[in-house]
Amino acid sequence: MAVIFAISSLISPLNAETVVIAALGDSLTQGYGLAPENGFVPQLNAALLVAGHDVEVINAGVSGDTTAGGLARMDWTLEPRVQGLIVTLGGNDLLRGIDPQVSRANIRGILEKAAAKEVPVLLAGMKAPLNFGPDYKSSFDAIYPDLANEFDVLLYPSFMAGLASDGSLAAVQNLMQNDGIHPNAEGVALIVADILHDVVALLGEINQP
């Protein structure tokens, strides 16, 4: 009974019309290396349906995309029917060692475009490794909470938190694909389960009168 009650706390009545959310991201969103039904967006869509939400999540993930690429795609990502936006970008900036100030400016631009169209946002952060030193990590990690606070948007601190609370993937290789970068289907399921509450909070902002 306790489990049923916990699940029911996430459930809201089905909307009269389907709510449309775009998931703007890179290969983590796009579903790289996975069967179509096992990617982040299909699994999130399925979890929302089970939780009683009439939602369509559009896969706006492009493998290899940086924050600059995401910003460049914003005008067509925010098509008229899109009512909410999940932003998961920055992983490829980290792989390329892009200056955190450049990444910050790009994510700021994404949030500015969403704000201009009054589209609520859930910003999913990334945690930098120590490869480029502690100063780089500190500067990069601060991007997401700083901008979420500035633009008053929902923040999910680390997209990988469902696998490891500190964003470190060293201890969860059984949840990763062979490249050690992308989660496998089981890993994606854990990510979806962890972020679901925050996506439901995004729906709440969309459904406010």
N, C-alpha and C. Protein backbone atom coordinates (compact mmCIF):
# COMPACT_ATOMS: atom_id res chain seq x y z
N MET A 1 0.82 -1.21 0.00
CA MET A 1 0.00 0.00 0.00
C MET A 1 0.86 1.26 0.00
N ALA A 2 1.98 1.21 0.73
CA ALA A 2 2.85 2.38 0.78
C ALA A 2 3.40 2.72 -0.59
N VAL A 3 3.75 1.67 -1.38
CA VAL A 3 4.28 1.90 -2.73
C VAL A 3 3.22 2.53 -3.62
N ILE A 4 1.99 2.02 -3.51
CA ILE A 4 0.90 2.57 -4.32
C ILE A 4 0.66 4.03 -3.97
N PHE A 5 0.72 4.34 -2.67
CA PHE A 5 0.51 5.73 -2.26
C PHE A 5 1.61 6.64 -2.80
N ALA A 6 2.86 6.14 -2.76
CA ALA A 6 3.98 6.94 -3.25
C ALA A 6 3.84 7.23 -4.73
N ILE A 7 3.42 6.23 -5.50
CA ILE A 7 3.23 6.43 -6.94
C ILE A 7 2.07 7.38 -7.19
N SER A 8 0.99 7.21 -6.43
CA SER A 8 -0.19 8.03 -6.66
C SER A 8 0.08 9.50 -6.38
N SER A 9 1.09 9.79 -5.55
CA SER A 9 1.40 11.18 -5.25
C SER A 9 1.97 11.90 -6.46
N LEU A 10 2.46 11.12 -7.47
CA LEU A 10 2.99 11.73 -8.68
C LEU A 10 1.91 11.90 -9.75
N ILE A 11 0.76 11.28 -9.52
CA ILE A 11 -0.25 11.22 -10.57
C ILE A 11 -1.18 12.42 -10.50
N SER A 12 -1.43 13.02 -11.64
CA SER A 12 -2.43 14.07 -11.75
C SER A 12 -3.45 13.60 -12.77
N PRO A 13 -4.65 14.15 -12.75
CA PRO A 13 -5.65 13.72 -13.71
C PRO A 13 -5.19 13.96 -15.13
N LEU A 14 -5.62 13.09 -16.03
CA LEU A 14 -5.27 13.26 -17.43
C LEU A 14 -5.79 14.59 -17.96
N ASN A 15 -4.94 15.27 -18.72
CA ASN A 15 -5.34 16.55 -19.28
C ASN A 15 -6.35 16.36 -20.40
N ALA A 16 -7.12 17.41 -20.62
CA ALA A 16 -8.08 17.36 -21.73
C ALA A 16 -7.35 17.24 -23.05
N GLU A 17 -6.15 17.83 -23.13
CA GLU A 17 -5.34 17.73 -24.33
C GLU A 17 -3.94 17.28 -23.94
N THR A 18 -3.30 16.58 -24.84
CA THR A 18 -1.95 16.09 -24.57
C THR A 18 -0.98 17.25 -24.42
N VAL A 19 -0.18 17.21 -23.35
CA VAL A 19 0.86 18.20 -23.14
C VAL A 19 2.09 17.77 -23.94
N VAL A 20 2.71 18.71 -24.62
CA VAL A 20 3.87 18.42 -25.46
C VAL A 20 5.12 19.06 -24.86
N ILE A 21 6.12 18.22 -24.60
CA ILE A 21 7.40 18.68 -24.07
C ILE A 21 8.49 18.30 -25.06
N ALA A 22 9.44 19.18 -25.28
CA ALA A 22 10.61 18.86 -26.10
C ALA A 22 11.79 18.58 -25.19
N ALA A 23 12.52 17.51 -25.47
CA ALA A 23 13.74 17.18 -24.74
C ALA A 23 14.92 17.55 -25.61
N LEU A 24 15.54 18.68 -25.29
CA LEU A 24 16.66 19.22 -26.08
C LEU A 24 17.96 18.71 -25.50
N GLY A 25 18.72 17.96 -26.29
CA GLY A 25 19.95 17.40 -25.75
C GLY A 25 20.86 16.84 -26.80
N ASP A 26 21.76 15.97 -26.32
CA ASP A 26 22.74 15.34 -27.20
C ASP A 26 22.46 13.84 -27.29
N SER A 27 23.50 13.02 -27.38
CA SER A 27 23.30 11.59 -27.54
C SER A 27 22.63 10.95 -26.33
N LEU A 28 22.78 11.54 -25.15
CA LEU A 28 22.12 11.00 -23.96
C LEU A 28 20.61 11.11 -24.09
N THR A 29 20.15 12.16 -24.74
CA THR A 29 18.72 12.33 -25.00
C THR A 29 18.30 11.54 -26.22
N GLN A 30 19.13 11.58 -27.25
CA GLN A 30 18.79 10.96 -28.54
C GLN A 30 18.64 9.44 -28.43
N GLY A 31 19.40 8.81 -27.52
CA GLY A 31 19.31 7.37 -27.34
C GLY A 31 20.40 6.60 -28.05
N TYR A 32 21.58 7.19 -28.10
CA TYR A 32 22.72 6.59 -28.81
C TYR A 32 22.97 5.15 -28.34
N GLY A 33 23.14 4.24 -29.31
CA GLY A 33 23.53 2.88 -29.02
C GLY A 33 22.44 1.98 -28.47
N LEU A 34 21.21 2.47 -28.41
CA LEU A 34 20.12 1.71 -27.81
C LEU A 34 19.04 1.40 -28.83
N ALA A 35 18.30 0.33 -28.58
CA ALA A 35 17.10 0.08 -29.38
C ALA A 35 16.15 1.26 -29.19
N PRO A 36 15.37 1.62 -30.22
CA PRO A 36 14.53 2.82 -30.14
C PRO A 36 13.68 2.91 -28.88
N GLU A 37 13.14 1.78 -28.42
CA GLU A 37 12.25 1.82 -27.27
C GLU A 37 13.00 1.98 -25.95
N ASN A 38 14.33 1.86 -25.97
CA ASN A 38 15.11 1.90 -24.73
C ASN A 38 15.78 3.24 -24.46
N GLY A 39 15.62 4.20 -25.37
CA GLY A 39 16.23 5.51 -25.17
C GLY A 39 15.55 6.31 -24.07
N PHE A 40 16.17 7.43 -23.73
CA PHE A 40 15.65 8.27 -22.65
C PHE A 40 14.23 8.75 -22.93
N VAL A 41 13.99 9.26 -24.12
CA VAL A 41 12.67 9.83 -24.43
C VAL A 41 11.57 8.77 -24.44
N PRO A 42 11.73 7.63 -25.13
CA PRO A 42 10.69 6.61 -25.07
C PRO A 42 10.44 6.09 -23.65
N GLN A 43 11.51 5.89 -22.88
CA GLN A 43 11.31 5.41 -21.51
C GLN A 43 10.63 6.47 -20.65
N LEU A 44 10.96 7.73 -20.86
CA LEU A 44 10.29 8.80 -20.11
C LEU A 44 8.83 8.89 -20.51
N ASN A 45 8.55 8.81 -21.80
CA ASN A 45 7.16 8.81 -22.26
C ASN A 45 6.36 7.69 -21.60
N ALA A 46 6.94 6.51 -21.55
CA ALA A 46 6.26 5.35 -20.97
C ALA A 46 6.03 5.55 -19.47
N ALA A 47 7.03 6.08 -18.77
CA ALA A 47 6.90 6.30 -17.33
C ALA A 47 5.83 7.34 -17.02
N LEU A 48 5.75 8.37 -17.81
CA LEU A 48 4.72 9.40 -17.61
C LEU A 48 3.34 8.83 -17.85
N LEU A 49 3.20 7.98 -18.85
CA LEU A 49 1.91 7.35 -19.14
C LEU A 49 1.48 6.46 -17.97
N VAL A 50 2.42 5.67 -17.46
CA VAL A 50 2.11 4.80 -16.32
C VAL A 50 1.70 5.64 -15.11
N ALA A 51 2.31 6.80 -14.95
CA ALA A 51 2.00 7.69 -13.83
C ALA A 51 0.72 8.49 -14.05
N GLY A 52 0.06 8.27 -15.19
CA GLY A 52 -1.23 8.89 -15.42
C GLY A 52 -1.22 10.23 -16.12
N HIS A 53 -0.11 10.55 -16.77
CA HIS A 53 0.02 11.86 -17.42
C HIS A 53 -0.08 11.73 -18.93
N ASP A 54 -0.95 12.54 -19.52
CA ASP A 54 -1.15 12.55 -20.96
C ASP A 54 -0.13 13.50 -21.57
N VAL A 55 1.05 12.97 -21.87
CA VAL A 55 2.18 13.79 -22.30
C VAL A 55 2.86 13.16 -23.51
N GLU A 56 3.28 14.00 -24.43
CA GLU A 56 4.15 13.57 -25.52
C GLU A 56 5.49 14.27 -25.36
N VAL A 57 6.56 13.49 -25.23
CA VAL A 57 7.90 14.06 -25.15
C VAL A 57 8.54 13.91 -26.53
N ILE A 58 8.91 15.03 -27.13
CA ILE A 58 9.55 15.04 -28.44
C ILE A 58 11.05 14.87 -28.27
N ASN A 59 11.63 13.97 -29.04
CA ASN A 59 13.07 13.74 -28.97
C ASN A 59 13.79 14.78 -29.81
N ALA A 60 14.32 15.80 -29.14
CA ALA A 60 15.12 16.83 -29.80
C ALA A 60 16.58 16.67 -29.41
N GLY A 61 17.01 15.40 -29.32
CA GLY A 61 18.40 15.10 -29.03
C GLY A 61 19.16 14.83 -30.30
N VAL A 62 20.35 15.39 -30.41
CA VAL A 62 21.22 15.18 -31.57
C VAL A 62 22.57 14.70 -31.07
N SER A 63 22.95 13.50 -31.48
CA SER A 63 24.21 12.93 -31.04
C SER A 63 25.38 13.83 -31.42
N GLY A 64 26.25 14.10 -30.46
CA GLY A 64 27.42 14.93 -30.71
C GLY A 64 27.20 16.40 -30.49
N ASP A 65 25.98 16.81 -30.19
CA ASP A 65 25.68 18.23 -30.06
C ASP A 65 26.32 18.84 -28.81
N THR A 66 26.78 20.04 -28.96
CA THR A 66 27.28 20.85 -27.84
C THR A 66 26.19 21.83 -27.43
N THR A 67 26.48 22.63 -26.41
CA THR A 67 25.52 23.67 -26.02
C THR A 67 25.30 24.66 -27.16
N ALA A 68 26.34 24.89 -27.96
CA ALA A 68 26.20 25.80 -29.11
C ALA A 68 25.23 25.21 -30.12
N GLY A 69 25.31 23.92 -30.37
CA GLY A 69 24.39 23.28 -31.30
C GLY A 69 22.97 23.33 -30.79
N GLY A 70 22.79 23.11 -29.49
CA GLY A 70 21.46 23.19 -28.91
C GLY A 70 20.86 24.58 -29.06
N LEU A 71 21.67 25.60 -28.81
CA LEU A 71 21.20 26.98 -28.98
C LEU A 71 20.81 27.24 -30.43
N ALA A 72 21.60 26.74 -31.37
CA ALA A 72 21.32 26.96 -32.79
C ALA A 72 20.01 26.31 -33.22
N ARG A 73 19.58 25.27 -32.50
CA ARG A 73 18.35 24.55 -32.86
C ARG A 73 17.11 25.03 -32.11
N MET A 74 17.27 26.02 -31.27
CA MET A 74 16.15 26.42 -30.41
C MET A 74 14.94 26.94 -31.18
N ASP A 75 15.16 27.71 -32.22
CA ASP A 75 14.04 28.34 -32.91
C ASP A 75 13.08 27.31 -33.49
N TRP A 76 13.61 26.21 -34.03
CA TRP A 76 12.69 25.19 -34.57
C TRP A 76 12.32 24.15 -33.53
N THR A 77 13.10 24.02 -32.46
CA THR A 77 12.70 23.10 -31.39
C THR A 77 11.45 23.62 -30.68
N LEU A 78 11.39 24.92 -30.47
CA LEU A 78 10.23 25.51 -29.81
C LEU A 78 9.12 25.77 -30.81
N GLU A 79 8.69 24.71 -31.48
CA GLU A 79 7.55 24.83 -32.39
C GLU A 79 6.30 25.20 -31.59
N PRO A 80 5.27 25.71 -32.25
CA PRO A 80 4.12 26.26 -31.52
C PRO A 80 3.46 25.31 -30.54
N ARG A 81 3.48 24.00 -30.80
CA ARG A 81 2.78 23.10 -29.89
C ARG A 81 3.59 22.72 -28.66
N VAL A 82 4.88 23.09 -28.62
CA VAL A 82 5.72 22.75 -27.47
C VAL A 82 5.38 23.64 -26.29
N GLN A 83 5.03 23.00 -25.17
CA GLN A 83 4.60 23.73 -23.96
C GLN A 83 5.61 23.69 -22.83
N GLY A 84 6.60 22.83 -22.95
CA GLY A 84 7.64 22.72 -21.93
C GLY A 84 8.92 22.21 -22.55
N LEU A 85 10.05 22.43 -21.85
CA LEU A 85 11.35 22.09 -22.41
C LEU A 85 12.23 21.46 -21.33
N ILE A 86 12.81 20.31 -21.66
CA ILE A 86 13.84 19.70 -20.83
C ILE A 86 15.17 19.93 -21.54
N VAL A 87 16.12 20.53 -20.86
CA VAL A 87 17.42 20.82 -21.47
C VAL A 87 18.49 19.95 -20.82
N THR A 88 19.13 19.12 -21.65
CA THR A 88 20.21 18.24 -21.18
C THR A 88 21.39 18.38 -22.12
N LEU A 89 22.20 19.38 -21.90
CA LEU A 89 23.34 19.66 -22.75
C LEU A 89 24.57 19.99 -21.90
N GLY A 90 25.72 19.78 -22.48
CA GLY A 90 26.97 20.09 -21.79
C GLY A 90 27.96 18.95 -21.79
N GLY A 91 27.48 17.72 -21.99
CA GLY A 91 28.38 16.57 -21.98
C GLY A 91 29.46 16.65 -23.04
N ASN A 92 29.10 17.07 -24.23
CA ASN A 92 30.09 17.17 -25.31
C ASN A 92 31.00 18.38 -25.14
N ASP A 93 30.50 19.41 -24.47
CA ASP A 93 31.37 20.54 -24.11
C ASP A 93 32.49 20.03 -23.21
N LEU A 94 32.13 19.15 -22.26
CA LEU A 94 33.12 18.58 -21.36
C LEU A 94 34.13 17.72 -22.10
N LEU A 95 33.64 16.89 -23.01
CA LEU A 95 34.55 16.01 -23.76
C LEU A 95 35.54 16.81 -24.59
N ARG A 96 35.14 18.00 -25.02
CA ARG A 96 36.00 18.83 -25.88
C ARG A 96 36.78 19.86 -25.08
N GLY A 97 36.52 19.95 -23.77
CA GLY A 97 37.22 20.93 -22.95
C GLY A 97 36.87 22.36 -23.29
N ILE A 98 35.64 22.59 -23.73
CA ILE A 98 35.21 23.94 -24.09
C ILE A 98 35.20 24.83 -22.85
N ASP A 99 35.60 26.07 -23.03
CA ASP A 99 35.62 27.05 -21.93
C ASP A 99 34.24 27.10 -21.26
N PRO A 100 34.16 26.90 -19.94
CA PRO A 100 32.87 26.94 -19.26
C PRO A 100 32.09 28.24 -19.48
N GLN A 101 32.80 29.34 -19.70
CA GLN A 101 32.10 30.59 -19.94
C GLN A 101 31.36 30.57 -21.28
N VAL A 102 31.91 29.85 -22.24
CA VAL A 102 31.23 29.69 -23.53
C VAL A 102 29.99 28.83 -23.34
N SER A 103 30.12 27.74 -22.61
CA SER A 103 28.98 26.86 -22.34
C SER A 103 27.90 27.63 -21.58
N ARG A 104 28.31 28.42 -20.61
CA ARG A 104 27.36 29.22 -19.83
C ARG A 104 26.58 30.17 -20.74
N ALA A 105 27.29 30.85 -21.64
CA ALA A 105 26.63 31.79 -22.54
C ALA A 105 25.63 31.09 -23.44
N ASN A 106 25.97 29.89 -23.90
CA ASN A 106 25.05 29.15 -24.77
C ASN A 106 23.80 28.71 -24.02
N ILE A 107 23.97 28.19 -22.82
CA ILE A 107 22.80 27.76 -22.04
C ILE A 107 21.95 28.98 -21.66
N ARG A 108 22.62 30.08 -21.37
CA ARG A 108 21.87 31.32 -21.11
C ARG A 108 21.01 31.68 -22.32
N GLY A 109 21.58 31.55 -23.51
CA GLY A 109 20.83 31.86 -24.72
C GLY A 109 19.63 30.95 -24.89
N ILE A 110 19.79 29.66 -24.55
CA ILE A 110 18.67 28.72 -24.62
C ILE A 110 17.56 29.13 -23.67
N LEU A 111 17.93 29.50 -22.45
CA LEU A 111 16.94 29.89 -21.46
C LEU A 111 16.27 31.22 -21.82
N GLU A 112 17.02 32.10 -22.44
CA GLU A 112 16.43 33.37 -22.89
C GLU A 112 15.38 33.13 -23.97
N LYS A 113 15.67 32.23 -24.89
CA LYS A 113 14.70 31.95 -25.95
C LYS A 113 13.45 31.27 -25.39
N ALA A 114 13.63 30.39 -24.43
CA ALA A 114 12.47 29.75 -23.80
C ALA A 114 11.65 30.77 -23.03
N ALA A 115 12.32 31.66 -22.31
CA ALA A 115 11.61 32.69 -21.54
C ALA A 115 10.83 33.62 -22.46
N ALA A 116 11.41 33.94 -23.62
CA ALA A 116 10.74 34.84 -24.56
C ALA A 116 9.43 34.26 -25.05
N LYS A 117 9.35 32.94 -25.10
CA LYS A 117 8.12 32.27 -25.54
C LYS A 117 7.30 31.75 -24.36
N GLU A 118 7.74 32.10 -23.14
CA GLU A 118 7.04 31.70 -21.92
C GLU A 118 6.87 30.19 -21.83
N VAL A 119 7.94 29.48 -22.19
CA VAL A 119 7.96 28.01 -22.11
C VAL A 119 8.72 27.60 -20.85
N PRO A 120 8.06 26.95 -19.90
CA PRO A 120 8.76 26.49 -18.69
C PRO A 120 9.86 25.49 -19.03
N VAL A 121 10.91 25.51 -18.22
CA VAL A 121 12.10 24.70 -18.49
C VAL A 121 12.48 23.87 -17.26
N LEU A 122 12.91 22.63 -17.53
CA LEU A 122 13.62 21.82 -16.56
C LEU A 122 15.05 21.70 -17.07
N LEU A 123 15.98 22.30 -16.33
CA LEU A 123 17.39 22.30 -16.73
C LEU A 123 18.10 21.16 -16.02
N ALA A 124 18.61 20.21 -16.79
CA ALA A 124 19.34 19.07 -16.24
C ALA A 124 20.84 19.34 -16.34
N GLY A 125 21.50 19.36 -15.19
CA GLY A 125 22.91 19.71 -15.15
C GLY A 125 23.84 18.57 -15.50
N MET A 126 25.10 18.90 -15.62
CA MET A 126 26.18 17.95 -15.82
C MET A 126 27.27 18.25 -14.79
N LYS A 127 28.00 17.23 -14.40
CA LYS A 127 29.12 17.39 -13.48
C LYS A 127 30.42 17.12 -14.23
N ALA A 128 31.32 18.07 -14.18
CA ALA A 128 32.59 17.93 -14.89
C ALA A 128 33.53 16.99 -14.12
N PRO A 129 34.30 16.17 -14.85
CA PRO A 129 35.35 15.38 -14.20
C PRO A 129 36.52 16.30 -13.85
N LEU A 130 37.52 15.75 -13.22
CA LEU A 130 38.68 16.55 -12.82
C LEU A 130 39.78 16.57 -13.90
N ASN A 131 39.46 16.05 -15.09
CA ASN A 131 40.46 15.97 -16.16
C ASN A 131 41.12 17.31 -16.45
N PHE A 132 40.33 18.40 -16.39
CA PHE A 132 40.85 19.72 -16.73
C PHE A 132 41.18 20.54 -15.49
N GLY A 133 41.19 19.90 -14.34
CA GLY A 133 41.58 20.58 -13.11
C GLY A 133 40.40 21.06 -12.30
N PRO A 134 40.64 21.38 -11.01
CA PRO A 134 39.56 21.77 -10.11
C PRO A 134 38.90 23.10 -10.47
N ASP A 135 39.66 24.02 -11.03
CA ASP A 135 39.08 25.32 -11.39
C ASP A 135 38.07 25.16 -12.51
N TYR A 136 38.43 24.35 -13.51
CA TYR A 136 37.51 24.09 -14.61
C TYR A 136 36.25 23.44 -14.07
N LYS A 137 36.41 22.43 -13.23
CA LYS A 137 35.25 21.72 -12.68
C LYS A 137 34.36 22.66 -11.89
N SER A 138 34.94 23.47 -11.05
CA SER A 138 34.15 24.40 -10.24
C SER A 138 33.38 25.37 -11.13
N SER A 139 34.05 25.87 -12.15
CA SER A 139 33.41 26.84 -13.05
C SER A 139 32.29 26.19 -13.85
N PHE A 140 32.54 24.97 -14.34
CA PHE A 140 31.52 24.30 -15.15
C PHE A 140 30.32 23.88 -14.30
N ASP A 141 30.58 23.26 -13.17
CA ASP A 141 29.49 22.75 -12.33
C ASP A 141 28.56 23.87 -11.87
N ALA A 142 29.09 25.08 -11.74
CA ALA A 142 28.28 26.20 -11.26
C ALA A 142 27.31 26.74 -12.30
N ILE A 143 27.53 26.39 -13.56
CA ILE A 143 26.69 26.94 -14.63
C ILE A 143 25.21 26.67 -14.38
N TYR A 144 24.88 25.44 -14.06
CA TYR A 144 23.48 25.02 -14.01
C TYR A 144 22.72 25.61 -12.82
N PRO A 145 23.22 25.51 -11.59
CA PRO A 145 22.49 26.15 -10.50
C PRO A 145 22.43 27.67 -10.63
N ASP A 146 23.50 28.26 -11.13
CA ASP A 146 23.50 29.73 -11.30
C ASP A 146 22.41 30.17 -12.27
N LEU A 147 22.34 29.52 -13.43
CA LEU A 147 21.37 29.93 -14.45
C LEU A 147 19.95 29.54 -14.07
N ALA A 148 19.79 28.41 -13.41
CA ALA A 148 18.45 28.01 -12.95
C ALA A 148 17.91 29.05 -11.98
N ASN A 149 18.78 29.54 -11.11
CA ASN A 149 18.37 30.57 -10.16
C ASN A 149 18.08 31.89 -10.87
N GLU A 150 18.94 32.25 -11.80
CA GLU A 150 18.78 33.53 -12.51
C GLU A 150 17.47 33.57 -13.32
N PHE A 151 17.14 32.45 -13.97
CA PHE A 151 15.97 32.42 -14.83
C PHE A 151 14.74 31.80 -14.14
N ASP A 152 14.92 31.43 -12.88
CA ASP A 152 13.83 30.85 -12.09
C ASP A 152 13.20 29.66 -12.80
N VAL A 153 14.07 28.71 -13.20
CA VAL A 153 13.59 27.49 -13.84
C VAL A 153 13.91 26.30 -12.93
N LEU A 154 13.24 25.20 -13.17
CA LEU A 154 13.48 23.99 -12.40
C LEU A 154 14.87 23.45 -12.71
N LEU A 155 15.53 22.92 -11.67
CA LEU A 155 16.87 22.38 -11.83
C LEU A 155 16.92 20.92 -11.38
N TYR A 156 17.42 20.07 -12.26
CA TYR A 156 17.79 18.69 -11.90
C TYR A 156 19.31 18.68 -11.91
N PRO A 157 19.96 18.64 -10.76
CA PRO A 157 21.38 18.97 -10.66
C PRO A 157 22.32 18.17 -11.56
N SER A 158 22.05 16.88 -11.76
CA SER A 158 22.93 16.08 -12.60
C SER A 158 22.14 15.02 -13.33
N PHE A 159 22.22 15.03 -14.65
CA PHE A 159 21.47 14.07 -15.45
C PHE A 159 21.81 12.64 -15.08
N MET A 160 23.03 12.41 -14.63
CA MET A 160 23.48 11.07 -14.29
C MET A 160 23.21 10.69 -12.83
N ALA A 161 22.49 11.52 -12.10
CA ALA A 161 22.28 11.29 -10.67
C ALA A 161 21.58 9.97 -10.39
N GLY A 162 20.75 9.51 -11.31
CA GLY A 162 20.07 8.23 -11.11
C GLY A 162 21.03 7.05 -11.09
N LEU A 163 22.21 7.25 -11.65
CA LEU A 163 23.24 6.20 -11.66
C LEU A 163 24.20 6.38 -10.49
N ALA A 164 24.60 7.62 -10.25
CA ALA A 164 25.54 7.93 -9.16
C ALA A 164 25.22 9.33 -8.66
N SER A 165 24.96 9.47 -7.38
CA SER A 165 24.50 10.74 -6.84
C SER A 165 25.48 11.88 -7.05
N ASP A 166 26.77 11.56 -7.15
CA ASP A 166 27.77 12.60 -7.36
C ASP A 166 28.12 12.81 -8.83
N GLY A 167 27.41 12.08 -9.69
CA GLY A 167 27.66 12.21 -11.12
C GLY A 167 28.86 11.41 -11.60
N SER A 168 29.57 10.75 -10.69
CA SER A 168 30.72 9.94 -11.07
C SER A 168 30.25 8.57 -11.56
N LEU A 169 30.78 8.14 -12.69
CA LEU A 169 30.33 6.89 -13.30
C LEU A 169 31.29 5.72 -13.09
N ALA A 170 32.36 5.96 -12.34
CA ALA A 170 33.39 4.93 -12.20
C ALA A 170 32.86 3.64 -11.58
N ALA A 171 31.89 3.77 -10.66
CA ALA A 171 31.42 2.60 -9.92
C ALA A 171 30.17 1.96 -10.53
N VAL A 172 29.74 2.45 -11.67
CA VAL A 172 28.47 1.95 -12.23
C VAL A 172 28.65 1.48 -13.67
N GLN A 173 29.78 0.86 -13.96
CA GLN A 173 30.06 0.44 -15.33
C GLN A 173 29.08 -0.62 -15.82
N ASN A 174 28.46 -1.35 -14.91
CA ASN A 174 27.46 -2.35 -15.32
C ASN A 174 26.20 -1.69 -15.87
N LEU A 175 26.06 -0.39 -15.66
CA LEU A 175 24.90 0.35 -16.16
C LEU A 175 25.24 1.15 -17.42
N MET A 176 26.46 0.95 -17.93
CA MET A 176 26.93 1.72 -19.07
C MET A 176 27.13 0.82 -20.28
N GLN A 177 27.09 1.44 -21.46
CA GLN A 177 27.46 0.74 -22.68
C GLN A 177 28.98 0.54 -22.71
N ASN A 178 29.44 -0.16 -23.69
CA ASN A 178 30.87 -0.50 -23.76
C ASN A 178 31.77 0.72 -23.84
N ASP A 179 31.25 1.85 -24.31
CA ASP A 179 32.08 3.05 -24.41
C ASP A 179 32.33 3.71 -23.06
N GLY A 180 31.60 3.28 -22.04
CA GLY A 180 31.78 3.85 -20.71
C GLY A 180 31.23 5.25 -20.55
N ILE A 181 30.55 5.75 -21.57
CA ILE A 181 30.03 7.13 -21.55
C ILE A 181 28.50 7.15 -21.53
N HIS A 182 27.90 6.27 -22.32
CA HIS A 182 26.45 6.27 -22.48
C HIS A 182 25.82 5.16 -21.65
N PRO A 183 24.74 5.45 -20.93
CA PRO A 183 24.07 4.40 -20.16
C PRO A 183 23.41 3.37 -21.06
N ASN A 184 23.35 2.14 -20.56
CA ASN A 184 22.61 1.11 -21.27
C ASN A 184 21.13 1.23 -20.92
N ALA A 185 20.31 0.32 -21.40
CA ALA A 185 18.86 0.42 -21.19
C ALA A 185 18.51 0.42 -19.71
N GLU A 186 19.19 -0.39 -18.92
CA GLU A 186 18.93 -0.42 -17.48
C GLU A 186 19.34 0.89 -16.83
N GLY A 187 20.46 1.43 -17.27
CA GLY A 187 20.90 2.72 -16.74
C GLY A 187 19.92 3.83 -17.07
N VAL A 188 19.42 3.83 -18.30
CA VAL A 188 18.44 4.84 -18.69
C VAL A 188 17.18 4.73 -17.84
N ALA A 189 16.76 3.50 -17.55
CA ALA A 189 15.58 3.30 -16.72
C ALA A 189 15.77 3.93 -15.34
N LEU A 190 16.97 3.82 -14.78
CA LEU A 190 17.25 4.41 -13.47
C LEU A 190 17.25 5.94 -13.56
N ILE A 191 17.80 6.47 -14.65
CA ILE A 191 17.79 7.93 -14.85
C ILE A 191 16.37 8.44 -14.94
N VAL A 192 15.54 7.75 -15.71
CA VAL A 192 14.14 8.15 -15.87
C VAL A 192 13.41 8.10 -14.53
N ALA A 193 13.62 7.04 -13.78
CA ALA A 193 12.95 6.92 -12.47
C ALA A 193 13.34 8.05 -11.54
N ASP A 194 14.60 8.49 -11.63
CA ASP A 194 15.07 9.54 -10.73
C ASP A 194 14.60 10.93 -11.14
N ILE A 195 14.52 11.18 -12.44
CA ILE A 195 14.15 12.52 -12.92
C ILE A 195 12.64 12.69 -13.04
N LEU A 196 11.89 11.60 -12.93
CA LEU A 196 10.44 11.65 -13.18
C LEU A 196 9.73 12.68 -12.32
N HIS A 197 10.08 12.74 -11.04
CA HIS A 197 9.43 13.69 -10.14
C HIS A 197 9.62 15.12 -10.64
N ASP A 198 10.81 15.43 -11.15
CA ASP A 198 11.09 16.78 -11.64
C ASP A 198 10.34 17.07 -12.94
N VAL A 199 10.17 16.06 -13.77
CA VAL A 199 9.38 16.25 -15.00
C VAL A 199 7.92 16.49 -14.65
N VAL A 200 7.43 15.79 -13.64
CA VAL A 200 6.05 16.03 -13.18
C VAL A 200 5.92 17.45 -12.63
N ALA A 201 6.96 17.94 -11.96
CA ALA A 201 6.95 19.33 -11.49
C ALA A 201 6.89 20.30 -12.67
N LEU A 202 7.58 19.97 -13.76
CA LEU A 202 7.51 20.79 -14.97
C LEU A 202 6.09 20.81 -15.52
N LEU A 203 5.44 19.65 -15.51
CA LEU A 203 4.03 19.60 -15.95
C LEU A 203 3.17 20.50 -15.09
N GLY A 204 3.46 20.54 -13.81
CA GLY A 204 2.71 21.41 -12.92
C GLY A 204 2.82 22.87 -13.31
N GLU A 205 4.02 23.28 -13.75
CA GLU A 205 4.20 24.68 -14.18
C GLU A 205 3.45 24.93 -15.49
N ILE A 206 3.43 23.93 -16.37
CA ILE A 206 2.71 24.08 -17.63
C ILE A 206 1.21 24.20 -17.38
N ASN A 207 0.72 23.43 -16.43
CA ASN A 207 -0.72 23.36 -16.18
C ASN A 207 -1.25 24.46 -15.27
N GLN A 208 -0.37 25.35 -14.81
CA GLN A 208 -0.85 26.45 -13.96
C GLN A 208 -1.76 27.36 -14.78
N PRO A 209 -2.89 27.77 -14.21
CA PRO A 209 -3.80 28.65 -14.95
C PRO A 209 -3.18 30.02 -15.19
